[in-house]
């Protein structure tokens, strides 16, 4: 059995816009999406977490080979941070007090 063939004029024949029925439920075509596009890159931590049966990449602990040295460095930075906070707040307080007692400034 042979399939009916369409002539080029029949295949491209269209209905005029005035005579065409309204088609309100047609949405614009969406761009094709890939299910892999939104996945984060796989890292060594991700693979280790999956090997342990965890659902996320959180692994308790860290990769620091010399934890004691790192804590000494962090202690220096912590002291520096506290000193900067005290200096900023203290200087603001000193400038305010001086502004109250020096005539013609405040």
Protein backbone atom coordinates (compact mmCIF):
# COMPACT_ATOMS: atom_id res chain seq x y z
CA UNK A 1 0.00 0.00 0.00
CA UNK A 2 1.31 3.40 -0.83
CA UNK A 3 0.94 6.52 1.25
CA UNK A 4 -0.80 9.49 -0.30
CA UNK A 5 1.58 12.22 -1.35
CA UNK A 6 0.89 15.91 -1.00
CA UNK A 7 1.62 18.40 -3.65
CA UNK A 8 3.84 21.33 -2.51
CA UNK A 9 0.91 23.73 -2.77
CA UNK A 10 -1.24 21.50 -0.54
CA UNK A 11 1.47 21.01 2.09
CA UNK A 12 2.06 24.73 2.58
CA UNK A 13 -1.54 25.82 2.32
CA UNK A 14 -2.58 27.92 5.30
CA UNK A 15 -5.81 29.33 6.62
CA UNK A 16 -6.14 33.14 6.61
CA UNK A 17 -5.80 34.70 10.07
CA UNK A 18 -9.38 36.02 10.06
CA UNK A 19 -10.85 32.57 9.38
CA UNK A 20 -8.59 30.64 11.77
CA UNK A 21 -10.14 29.60 15.08
CA UNK A 22 -8.62 31.24 18.16
CA UNK A 23 -6.09 29.09 19.92
CA UNK A 24 -5.56 30.59 23.38
CA UNK A 25 -4.08 27.55 25.09
CA UNK A 26 -0.90 27.45 23.00
CA UNK A 27 2.15 28.57 24.92
CA UNK A 28 5.34 29.80 23.29
CA UNK A 29 7.92 27.11 22.69
CA UNK A 30 10.34 26.72 25.55
CA UNK A 31 14.08 26.44 25.13
CA UNK A 32 15.32 22.90 25.54
CA UNK A 33 16.77 22.34 28.98
CA UNK A 34 19.36 19.88 30.07
CA UNK A 35 18.94 18.09 33.35
CA UNK A 36 22.70 18.29 33.89
CA UNK A 37 23.03 22.06 33.44
CA UNK A 38 22.15 23.06 37.01
CA UNK A 39 24.29 20.49 38.80
CA UNK A 40 27.33 21.75 40.72
CA UNK A 41 30.74 20.52 39.68
CA UNK A 42 31.85 17.29 41.30
CA UNK A 43 34.72 17.81 43.73
CA UNK A 44 36.83 15.49 45.81
CA UNK A 45 34.72 16.35 48.86
CA UNK A 46 31.52 15.46 46.97
CA UNK A 47 32.90 12.09 46.00
CA UNK A 48 34.13 11.37 49.55
CA UNK A 49 30.73 12.29 50.99
CA UNK A 50 28.92 10.04 48.52
CA UNK A 51 31.29 7.19 49.36
CA UNK A 52 30.28 7.58 53.03
CA UNK A 53 26.61 7.50 52.10
CA UNK A 54 25.95 11.19 52.79
CA UNK A 55 23.54 13.15 50.63
CA UNK A 56 25.54 16.39 50.72
CA UNK A 57 29.20 17.29 50.51
CA UNK A 58 29.55 18.13 54.20
CA UNK A 59 32.35 16.18 55.78
CA UNK A 60 33.06 16.60 59.47
CA UNK A 61 36.57 17.90 60.12
CA UNK A 62 38.99 19.43 57.68
CA UNK A 63 41.98 18.87 55.47
CA UNK A 64 44.42 20.98 57.50
CA UNK A 65 47.66 19.04 57.89
CA UNK A 66 49.02 21.28 60.68
CA UNK A 67 46.08 22.32 62.81
CA UNK A 68 48.17 23.66 65.70
CA UNK A 69 50.06 26.10 63.45
CA UNK A 70 46.82 27.29 61.86
CA UNK A 71 45.27 27.95 65.27
CA UNK A 72 48.34 30.02 66.31
CA UNK A 73 47.99 32.14 63.17
CA UNK A 74 44.26 32.56 63.77
CA UNK A 75 44.92 33.66 67.36
CA UNK A 76 47.10 36.50 66.05
CA UNK A 77 44.37 37.59 63.63
CA UNK A 78 41.75 37.35 66.39
CA UNK A 79 43.79 39.65 68.65
CA UNK A 80 44.30 42.08 65.76
CA UNK A 81 40.56 42.14 65.09
CA UNK A 82 39.75 42.84 68.74
CA UNK A 83 42.40 45.60 68.84
CA UNK A 84 40.92 47.26 65.74
CA UNK A 85 37.40 47.17 67.21
CA UNK A 86 38.61 48.68 70.48
CA UNK A 87 40.58 51.36 68.61
CA UNK A 88 37.65 52.39 66.40
CA UNK A 89 35.14 52.52 69.25
CA UNK A 90 37.64 54.12 71.65
CA UNK A 91 38.70 56.85 69.22
CA UNK A 92 35.06 57.67 68.51
CA UNK A 93 34.44 57.98 72.25
CA UNK A 94 37.54 60.13 72.78
CA UNK A 95 36.66 62.48 69.91
CA UNK A 96 33.12 62.83 71.27
CA UNK A 97 34.35 63.65 74.80
CA UNK A 98 36.90 66.15 73.49
CA UNK A 99 34.16 67.75 71.38
CA UNK A 100 32.07 68.37 74.50
CA UNK A 101 34.83 70.00 76.52
CA UNK A 102 36.70 72.09 73.93
CA UNK A 103 34.93 75.44 73.52
CA UNK A 104 33.96 76.50 69.98
CA UNK A 105 34.18 72.98 68.50
CA UNK A 106 30.77 71.55 69.33
